[in-house]
Amino acid sequence: MILRRLAIALRKQDWFTVVIETLIVVFGVFIGLQVNNWNEARQERIETHSLLERLERDFEQQLALTESGIARQLLYLEVTDRLITGIRAGQLDEDFLASDLALVDSIGSLPAPSAAFEELVSTGRMRLIRNAVLRDELYRYDSYTGFLYLQFSQVAEPVAELSRVIIRAKTLELTGQPSQRFEQLGRVEAIDHAVLLEDRDIMDALQSAYITQDNTHLILIALRARIERILDLLAEERGEAGP
């Protein structure tokens, strides 16, 4: 309709009408573009908000797992320390001996890379995170945890070696029936104190395991600091992105 009126005005050389109709067309196109841009910006804000919420939930879970890992690692260090001290003194702590032997060849697990971040990268939506520092921290965390995850079996090898040698001091309780609970798995019927006190391989393995457990504790503390830094940056990003 507008184009028809514009064509008639041009034939009649009605320049005033031509200008008005042209302005109406231009204004209509401009409004349409603005509405489209507004809708796209609104959709991007919604997507960004959802993305940041998911990242925040993911890293809060990572923090909880890391805190739990630190607590377990402190327990394993205490157990290993008590056994080493007892063997050196030639006097094992009978109150803790059975539980210590059940835990000493353990190591805390390390958190895996963030699934939310990996999805973000694979779908090409990193552009939605405007904070360059946050992006860098996410990439560094993913690279570091990925490396640790791949190297975990090597990191844990001294603890695995301890498990292989300390079995010499244990006589397992055999019932002929499969365990019904994890607490029943590997239960000990008797402990050979002489083997614990005299087998040099066990002492060497205990000391190597202690170093590994201590190193794992330090790694977990470093990971906790990284996660807390990322959560702080995510909170800032969410505040800037708005509701």
C-alpha atoms as a PDB file:
ATOM      1  CA  MET A   1       0.000   0.000   0.000  1.00  0.00           C
ATOM      2  CA  ILE A   2       2.743   2.440   0.972  1.00  0.00           C
ATOM      3  CA  LEU A   3       4.782   1.593  -2.114  1.00  0.00           C
ATOM      4  CA  ARG A   4       1.730   2.144  -4.352  1.00  0.00           C
ATOM      5  CA  ARG A   5       1.113   5.579  -2.812  1.00  0.00           C
ATOM      6  CA  LEU A   6       4.808   6.370  -3.208  1.00  0.00           C
ATOM      7  CA  ALA A   7       4.699   5.392  -6.900  1.00  0.00           C
ATOM      8  CA  ILE A   8       1.600   7.572  -7.512  1.00  0.00           C
ATOM      9  CA  ALA A   9       3.238  10.502  -5.728  1.00  0.00           C
ATOM     10  CA  LEU A  10       6.345  10.151  -7.886  1.00  0.00           C
ATOM     11  CA  ARG A  11       4.288  10.170 -11.093  1.00  0.00           C
ATOM     12  CA  LYS A  12       2.460  13.284  -9.906  1.00  0.00           C
ATOM     13  CA  GLN A  13       5.762  14.807  -8.720  1.00  0.00           C
ATOM     14  CA  ASP A  14       4.166  15.296  -5.304  1.00  0.00           C
ATOM     15  CA  TRP A  15       7.489  15.615  -3.533  1.00  0.00           C
ATOM     16  CA  PHE A  16       6.018  16.311  -0.114  1.00  0.00           C
ATOM     17  CA  THR A  17       4.092  13.038  -0.206  1.00  0.00           C
ATOM     18  CA  VAL A  18       7.181  11.285  -1.550  1.00  0.00           C
ATOM     19  CA  VAL A  19       9.236  12.496   1.425  1.00  0.00           C
ATOM     20  CA  ILE A  20       6.524  11.549   3.952  1.00  0.00           C
ATOM     21  CA  GLU A  21       5.983   8.078   2.482  1.00  0.00           C
ATOM     22  CA  THR A  22       9.742   7.493   2.276  1.00  0.00           C
ATOM     23  CA  LEU A  23      10.142   8.497   5.903  1.00  0.00           C
ATOM     24  CA  ILE A  24       7.336   6.133   6.885  1.00  0.00           C
ATOM     25  CA  VAL A  25       9.075   3.264   5.076  1.00  0.00           C
ATOM     26  CA  VAL A  26      12.482   4.066   6.598  1.00  0.00           C
ATOM     27  CA  PHE A  27      10.987   4.501  10.063  1.00  0.00           C
ATOM     28  CA  GLY A  28       9.114   1.205   9.748  1.00  0.00           C
ATOM     29  CA  VAL A  29      12.282  -0.640   8.730  1.00  0.00           C
ATOM     30  CA  PHE A  30      14.199   1.010  11.569  1.00  0.00           C
ATOM     31  CA  ILE A  31      11.567   0.023  14.151  1.00  0.00           C
ATOM     32  CA  GLY A  32      11.537  -3.525  12.803  1.00  0.00           C
ATOM     33  CA  LEU A  33      15.300  -3.800  13.099  1.00  0.00           C
ATOM     34  CA  GLN A  34      15.246  -2.343  16.614  1.00  0.00           C
ATOM     35  CA  VAL A  35      12.574  -4.795  17.743  1.00  0.00           C
ATOM     36  CA  ASN A  36      14.535  -7.669  16.217  1.00  0.00           C
ATOM     37  CA  ASN A  37      17.751  -6.488  17.930  1.00  0.00           C
ATOM     38  CA  TRP A  38      15.902  -6.111  21.233  1.00  0.00           C
ATOM     39  CA  ASN A  39      14.509  -9.632  20.949  1.00  0.00           C
ATOM     40  CA  GLU A  40      17.945 -11.039  20.134  1.00  0.00           C
ATOM     41  CA  ALA A  41      19.530  -9.178  23.051  1.00  0.00           C
ATOM     42  CA  ARG A  42      16.789 -10.371  25.398  1.00  0.00           C
ATOM     43  CA  GLN A  43      17.210 -13.960  24.233  1.00  0.00           C
ATOM     44  CA  GLU A  44      20.982 -13.709  24.699  1.00  0.00           C
ATOM     45  CA  ARG A  45      20.529 -12.358  28.249  1.00  0.00           C
ATOM     46  CA  ILE A  46      18.235 -15.280  29.089  1.00  0.00           C
ATOM     47  CA  GLU A  47      20.703 -17.762  27.596  1.00  0.00           C
ATOM     48  CA  THR A  48      23.634 -16.153  29.407  1.00  0.00           C
ATOM     49  CA  HIS A  49      21.792 -16.170  32.736  1.00  0.00           C
ATOM     50  CA  SER A  50      20.912 -19.851  32.337  1.00  0.00           C
ATOM     51  CA  LEU A  51      24.477 -20.675  31.338  1.00  0.00           C
ATOM     52  CA  LEU A  52      25.998 -18.868  34.329  1.00  0.00           C
ATOM     53  CA  GLU A  53      23.556 -20.564  36.696  1.00  0.00           C
ATOM     54  CA  ARG A  54      24.557 -23.977  35.377  1.00  0.00           C
ATOM     55  CA  LEU A  55      28.267 -23.198  35.653  1.00  0.00           C
ATOM     56  CA  GLU A  56      27.734 -21.954  39.196  1.00  0.00           C
ATOM     57  CA  ARG A  57      25.859 -25.119  40.209  1.00  0.00           C
ATOM     58  CA  ASP A  58      28.556 -27.256  38.617  1.00  0.00           C
ATOM     59  CA  PHE A  59      31.403 -25.510  40.426  1.00  0.00           C
ATOM     60  CA  GLU A  60      29.521 -25.495  43.726  1.00  0.00           C
ATOM     61  CA  GLN A  61      29.310 -29.260  43.364  1.00  0.00           C
ATOM     62  CA  GLN A  62      33.015 -29.380  42.471  1.00  0.00           C
ATOM     63  CA  LEU A  63      33.771 -27.359  45.604  1.00  0.00           C
ATOM     64  CA  ALA A  64      31.747 -29.735  47.792  1.00  0.00           C
ATOM     65  CA  LEU A  65      33.543 -32.755  46.313  1.00  0.00           C
ATOM     66  CA  THR A  66      36.921 -31.085  46.808  1.00  0.00           C
ATOM     67  CA  GLU A  67      36.129 -30.194  50.425  1.00  0.00           C
ATOM     68  CA  SER A  68      35.115 -33.810  51.035  1.00  0.00           C
ATOM     69  CA  GLY A  69      38.322 -35.004  49.367  1.00  0.00           C
ATOM     70  CA  ILE A  70      40.422 -32.732  51.589  1.00  0.00           C
ATOM     71  CA  ALA A  71      38.722 -34.087  54.715  1.00  0.00           C
ATOM     72  CA  ARG A  72      39.303 -37.690  53.627  1.00  0.00           C
ATOM     73  CA  GLN A  73      42.906 -36.946  52.720  1.00  0.00           C
ATOM     74  CA  LEU A  74      43.568 -35.498  56.165  1.00  0.00           C
ATOM     75  CA  LEU A  75      42.189 -38.723  57.660  1.00  0.00           C
ATOM     76  CA  TYR A  76      44.422 -40.889  55.450  1.00  0.00           C
ATOM     77  CA  LEU A  77      47.462 -38.810  56.401  1.00  0.00           C
ATOM     78  CA  GLU A  78      46.630 -39.219  60.090  1.00  0.00           C
ATOM     79  CA  VAL A  79      46.266 -42.983  59.677  1.00  0.00           C
ATOM     80  CA  THR A  80      49.536 -43.372  57.756  1.00  0.00           C
ATOM     81  CA  ASP A  81      51.373 -41.144  60.209  1.00  0.00           C
ATOM     82  CA  ARG A  82      50.136 -43.230  63.142  1.00  0.00           C
ATOM     83  CA  LEU A  83      51.281 -46.496  61.560  1.00  0.00           C
ATOM     84  CA  ILE A  84      54.709 -45.127  60.614  1.00  0.00           C
ATOM     85  CA  THR A  85      55.191 -43.684  64.105  1.00  0.00           C
ATOM     86  CA  GLY A  86      54.108 -46.950  65.733  1.00  0.00           C
ATOM     87  CA  ILE A  87      56.413 -49.075  63.594  1.00  0.00           C
ATOM     88  CA  ARG A  88      59.350 -46.755  64.273  1.00  0.00           C
ATOM     89  CA  ALA A  89      58.673 -46.932  68.007  1.00  0.00           C
ATOM     90  CA  GLY A  90      58.071 -50.687  67.879  1.00  0.00           C
ATOM     91  CA  GLN A  91      54.714 -50.149  69.551  1.00  0.00           C
ATOM     92  CA  LEU A  92      51.527 -50.211  67.444  1.00  0.00           C
ATOM     93  CA  ASP A  93      48.401 -48.425  68.650  1.00  0.00           C
ATOM     94  CA  GLU A  94      46.028 -51.340  69.177  1.00  0.00           C
ATOM     95  CA  ASP A  95      42.991 -49.068  69.578  1.00  0.00           C
ATOM     96  CA  PHE A  96      43.309 -47.891  65.965  1.00  0.00           C
ATOM     97  CA  LEU A  97      45.300 -50.669  64.307  1.00  0.00           C
ATOM     98  CA  ALA A  98      42.438 -52.531  62.596  1.00  0.00           C
ATOM     99  CA  SER A  99      40.758 -49.368  61.265  1.00  0.00           C
ATOM    100  CA  ASP A 100      44.111 -47.857  60.270  1.00  0.00           C
ATOM    101  CA  LEU A 101      45.002 -50.909  58.174  1.00  0.00           C
ATOM    102  CA  ALA A 102      41.615 -50.682  56.484  1.00  0.00           C
ATOM    103  CA  LEU A 103      42.204 -47.058  55.452  1.00  0.00           C
ATOM    104  CA  VAL A 104      45.954 -46.644  55.025  1.00  0.00           C
ATOM    105  CA  ASP A 105      46.049 -47.758  51.378  1.00  0.00           C
ATOM    106  CA  SER A 106      43.446 -45.168  50.364  1.00  0.00           C
ATOM    107  CA  ILE A 107      43.727 -41.887  48.518  1.00  0.00           C
ATOM    108  CA  GLY A 108      41.216 -39.118  47.946  1.00  0.00           C
ATOM    109  CA  SER A 109      39.771 -38.779  44.474  1.00  0.00           C
ATOM    110  CA  LEU A 110      40.397 -35.668  42.404  1.00  0.00           C
ATOM    111  CA  PRO A 111      37.532 -33.732  40.761  1.00  0.00           C
ATOM    112  CA  ALA A 112      37.024 -34.251  37.045  1.00  0.00           C
ATOM    113  CA  PRO A 113      36.830 -31.345  34.548  1.00  0.00           C
ATOM    114  CA  SER A 114      33.601 -29.328  34.581  1.00  0.00           C
ATOM    115  CA  ALA A 115      30.953 -30.924  32.347  1.00  0.00           C
ATOM    116  CA  ALA A 116      29.121 -27.585  32.076  1.00  0.00           C
ATOM    117  CA  PHE A 117      32.269 -25.830  30.828  1.00  0.00           C
ATOM    118  CA  GLU A 118      33.060 -28.568  28.312  1.00  0.00           C
ATOM    119  CA  GLU A 119      29.526 -28.311  26.906  1.00  0.00           C
ATOM    120  CA  LEU A 120      29.918 -24.537  26.727  1.00  0.00           C
ATOM    121  CA  VAL A 121      33.071 -24.890  24.645  1.00  0.00           C
ATOM    122  CA  SER A 122      31.722 -27.655  22.404  1.00  0.00           C
ATOM    123  CA  THR A 123      28.591 -25.631  21.549  1.00  0.00           C
ATOM    124  CA  GLY A 124      30.618 -22.493  20.756  1.00  0.00           C
ATOM    125  CA  ARG A 125      28.960 -20.345  23.428  1.00  0.00           C
ATOM    126  CA  MET A 126      32.065 -19.043  25.183  1.00  0.00           C
ATOM    127  CA  ARG A 127      31.300 -15.653  23.609  1.00  0.00           C
ATOM    128  CA  LEU A 128      28.446 -15.299  26.123  1.00  0.00           C
ATOM    129  CA  ILE A 129      31.003 -14.945  28.939  1.00  0.00           C
ATOM    130  CA  ARG A 130      32.212 -11.377  28.631  1.00  0.00           C
ATOM    131  CA  ASN A 131      34.740 -11.423  31.461  1.00  0.00           C
ATOM    132  CA  ALA A 132      38.096 -12.377  29.930  1.00  0.00           C
ATOM    133  CA  VAL A 133      39.558 -13.219  33.360  1.00  0.00           C
ATOM    134  CA  LEU A 134      36.726 -15.672  34.015  1.00  0.00           C
ATOM    135  CA  ARG A 135      37.203 -17.286  30.619  1.00  0.00           C
ATOM    136  CA  ASP A 136      40.922 -17.712  31.283  1.00  0.00           C
ATOM    137  CA  GLU A 137      40.281 -19.207  34.736  1.00  0.00           C
ATOM    138  CA  LEU A 138      37.786 -21.688  33.278  1.00  0.00           C
ATOM    139  CA  TYR A 139      40.227 -22.775  30.580  1.00  0.00           C
ATOM    140  CA  ARG A 140      43.059 -23.132  33.112  1.00  0.00           C
ATOM    141  CA  TYR A 141      40.903 -25.147  35.492  1.00  0.00           C
ATOM    142  CA  ASP A 142      39.786 -27.455  32.684  1.00  0.00           C
ATOM    143  CA  SER A 143      43.362 -27.980  31.503  1.00  0.00           C
ATOM    144  CA  TYR A 144      44.686 -28.623  35.020  1.00  0.00           C
ATOM    145  CA  THR A 145      41.948 -31.047  36.099  1.00  0.00           C
ATOM    146  CA  GLY A 146      42.137 -32.832  32.746  1.00  0.00           C
ATOM    147  CA  PHE A 147      45.859 -33.358  33.227  1.00  0.00           C
ATOM    148  CA  LEU A 148      45.390 -34.594  36.806  1.00  0.00           C
ATOM    149  CA  TYR A 149      42.562 -36.903  35.766  1.00  0.00           C
ATOM    150  CA  LEU A 150      44.755 -38.541  33.121  1.00  0.00           C
ATOM    151  CA  GLN A 151      47.729 -38.820  35.483  1.00  0.00           C
ATOM    152  CA  PHE A 152      45.807 -40.055  38.538  1.00  0.00           C
ATOM    153  CA  SER A 153      46.808 -43.708  38.151  1.00  0.00           C
ATOM    154  CA  GLN A 154      50.489 -42.715  38.152  1.00  0.00           C
ATOM    155  CA  VAL A 155      50.006 -40.299  41.039  1.00  0.00           C
ATOM    156  CA  ALA A 156      48.314 -43.023  43.085  1.00  0.00           C
ATOM    157  CA  GLU A 157      50.870 -45.761  42.279  1.00  0.00           C
ATOM    158  CA  PRO A 158      52.726 -45.518  45.671  1.00  0.00           C
ATOM    159  CA  VAL A 159      49.402 -46.071  47.465  1.00  0.00           C
ATOM    160  CA  ALA A 160      48.639 -49.016  45.181  1.00  0.00           C
ATOM    161  CA  GLU A 161      52.079 -50.445  46.004  1.00  0.00           C
ATOM    162  CA  LEU A 162      51.329 -50.075  49.729  1.00  0.00           C
ATOM    163  CA  SER A 163      48.126 -52.054  49.210  1.00  0.00           C
ATOM    164  CA  ARG A 164      50.139 -54.853  47.574  1.00  0.00           C
ATOM    165  CA  VAL A 165      52.705 -55.186  50.386  1.00  0.00           C
ATOM    166  CA  ILE A 166      50.641 -54.481  53.486  1.00  0.00           C
ATOM    167  CA  ILE A 167      48.412 -57.471  52.719  1.00  0.00           C
ATOM    168  CA  ARG A 168      51.322 -59.561  54.043  1.00  0.00           C
ATOM    169  CA  ALA A 169      50.362 -58.515  57.574  1.00  0.00           C
ATOM    170  CA  LYS A 170      46.680 -59.372  57.163  1.00  0.00           C
ATOM    171  CA  THR A 171      44.785 -62.623  57.403  1.00  0.00           C
ATOM    172  CA  LEU A 172      41.483 -62.043  55.637  1.00  0.00           C
ATOM    173  CA  GLU A 173      38.218 -63.243  57.124  1.00  0.00           C
ATOM    174  CA  LEU A 174      36.792 -65.826  54.742  1.00  0.00           C
ATOM    175  CA  THR A 175      33.093 -66.641  55.009  1.00  0.00           C
ATOM    176  CA  GLY A 176      32.567 -68.352  51.691  1.00  0.00           C
ATOM    177  CA  GLN A 177      29.761 -65.897  51.001  1.00  0.00           C
ATOM    178  CA  PRO A 178      29.847 -62.687  48.946  1.00  0.00           C
ATOM    179  CA  SER A 179      29.808 -59.439  50.877  1.00  0.00           C
ATOM    180  CA  GLN A 180      26.427 -57.772  51.264  1.00  0.00           C
ATOM    181  CA  ARG A 181      27.834 -54.392  52.306  1.00  0.00           C
ATOM    182  CA  PHE A 182      31.027 -52.501  51.489  1.00  0.00           C
ATOM    183  CA  GLU A 183      31.952 -52.597  55.196  1.00  0.00           C
ATOM    184  CA  GLN A 184      32.325 -56.380  54.906  1.00  0.00           C
ATOM    185  CA  LEU A 185      34.709 -56.209  51.961  1.00  0.00           C
ATOM    186  CA  GLY A 186      38.247 -57.257  52.880  1.00  0.00           C
ATOM    187  CA  ARG A 187      37.547 -57.738  56.588  1.00  0.00           C
ATOM    188  CA  VAL A 188      40.578 -58.917  58.558  1.00  0.00           C
ATOM    189  CA  GLU A 189      40.566 -61.908  60.871  1.00  0.00           C
ATOM    190  CA  ALA A 190      44.056 -61.408  62.278  1.00  0.00           C
ATOM    191  CA  ILE A 191      46.975 -58.980  62.029  1.00  0.00           C
ATOM    192  CA  ASP A 192      50.586 -60.157  62.083  1.00  0.00           C
ATOM    193  CA  HIS A 193      52.334 -57.568  64.228  1.00  0.00           C
ATOM    194  CA  ALA A 194      55.775 -59.011  63.528  1.00  0.00           C
ATOM    195  CA  VAL A 195      55.363 -58.515  59.788  1.00  0.00           C
ATOM    196  CA  LEU A 196      54.288 -54.910  60.293  1.00  0.00           C
ATOM    197  CA  LEU A 197      57.228 -54.181  62.576  1.00  0.00           C
ATOM    198  CA  GLU A 198      59.927 -56.043  60.676  1.00  0.00           C
ATOM    199  CA  ASP A 199      59.062 -56.023  56.951  1.00  0.00           C
ATOM    200  CA  ARG A 200      61.130 -53.184  55.472  1.00  0.00           C
ATOM    201  CA  ASP A 201      59.050 -53.146  52.297  1.00  0.00           C
ATOM    202  CA  ILE A 202      55.995 -52.160  54.331  1.00  0.00           C
ATOM    203  CA  MET A 203      57.781 -49.230  55.979  1.00  0.00           C
ATOM    204  CA  ASP A 204      59.138 -48.035  52.626  1.00  0.00           C
ATOM    205  CA  ALA A 205      55.686 -48.278  51.074  1.00  0.00           C
ATOM    206  CA  LEU A 206      54.099 -46.450  54.006  1.00  0.00           C
ATOM    207  CA  GLN A 207      56.535 -43.558  53.673  1.00  0.00           C
ATOM    208  CA  SER A 208      56.046 -43.350  49.900  1.00  0.00           C
ATOM    209  CA  ALA A 209      52.276 -43.442  50.386  1.00  0.00           C
ATOM    210  CA  TYR A 210      52.504 -40.673  52.989  1.00  0.00           C
ATOM    211  CA  ILE A 211      54.299 -38.411  50.503  1.00  0.00           C
ATOM    212  CA  THR A 212      51.675 -39.194  47.865  1.00  0.00           C
ATOM    213  CA  GLN A 213      48.803 -38.525  50.267  1.00  0.00           C
ATOM    214  CA  ASP A 214      50.404 -35.269  51.371  1.00  0.00           C
ATOM    215  CA  ASN A 215      50.919 -34.220  47.754  1.00  0.00           C
ATOM    216  CA  THR A 216      47.290 -35.067  46.945  1.00  0.00           C
ATOM    217  CA  HIS A 217      46.213 -32.943  49.894  1.00  0.00           C
ATOM    218  CA  LEU A 218      48.179 -29.988  48.506  1.00  0.00           C
ATOM    219  CA  ILE A 219      46.664 -30.512  45.040  1.00  0.00           C
ATOM    220  CA  LEU A 220      43.160 -30.523  46.492  1.00  0.00           C
ATOM    221  CA  ILE A 221      43.833 -27.325  48.434  1.00  0.00           C
ATOM    222  CA  ALA A 222      45.081 -25.664  45.226  1.00  0.00           C
ATOM    223  CA  LEU A 223      41.982 -26.869  43.371  1.00  0.00           C
ATOM    224  CA  ARG A 224      39.749 -25.492  46.106  1.00  0.00           C
ATOM    225  CA  ALA A 225      41.348 -22.056  45.711  1.00  0.00           C
ATOM    226  CA  ARG A 226      40.810 -22.192  41.924  1.00  0.00           C
ATOM    227  CA  ILE A 227      37.171 -23.206  42.320  1.00  0.00           C
ATOM    228  CA  GLU A 228      36.485 -20.462  44.874  1.00  0.00           C
ATOM    229  CA  ARG A 229      38.074 -17.924  42.505  1.00  0.00           C
ATOM    230  CA  ILE A 230      35.864 -19.124  39.639  1.00  0.00           C
ATOM    231  CA  LEU A 231      32.730 -18.954  41.812  1.00  0.00           C
ATOM    232  CA  ASP A 232      33.571 -15.355  42.802  1.00  0.00           C
ATOM    233  CA  LEU A 233      34.039 -14.411  39.138  1.00  0.00           C
ATOM    234  CA  LEU A 234      30.793 -16.167  38.166  1.00  0.00           C
ATOM    235  CA  ALA A 235      28.923 -14.189  40.824  1.00  0.00           C
ATOM    236  CA  GLU A 236      30.360 -10.951  39.423  1.00  0.00           C
ATOM    237  CA  GLU A 237      29.445 -11.974  35.871  1.00  0.00           C
ATOM    238  CA  ARG A 238      25.876 -12.819  36.888  1.00  0.00           C
ATOM    239  CA  GLY A 239      25.553  -9.437  38.589  1.00  0.00           C
ATOM    240  CA  GLU A 240      26.724  -7.621  35.471  1.00  0.00           C
ATOM    241  CA  ALA A 241      24.551  -9.735  33.157  1.00  0.00           C
ATOM    242  CA  GLY A 242      21.428  -8.787  35.099  1.00  0.00           C
ATOM    243  CA  PRO A 243      18.265 -10.816  35.622  1.00  0.00           C
END
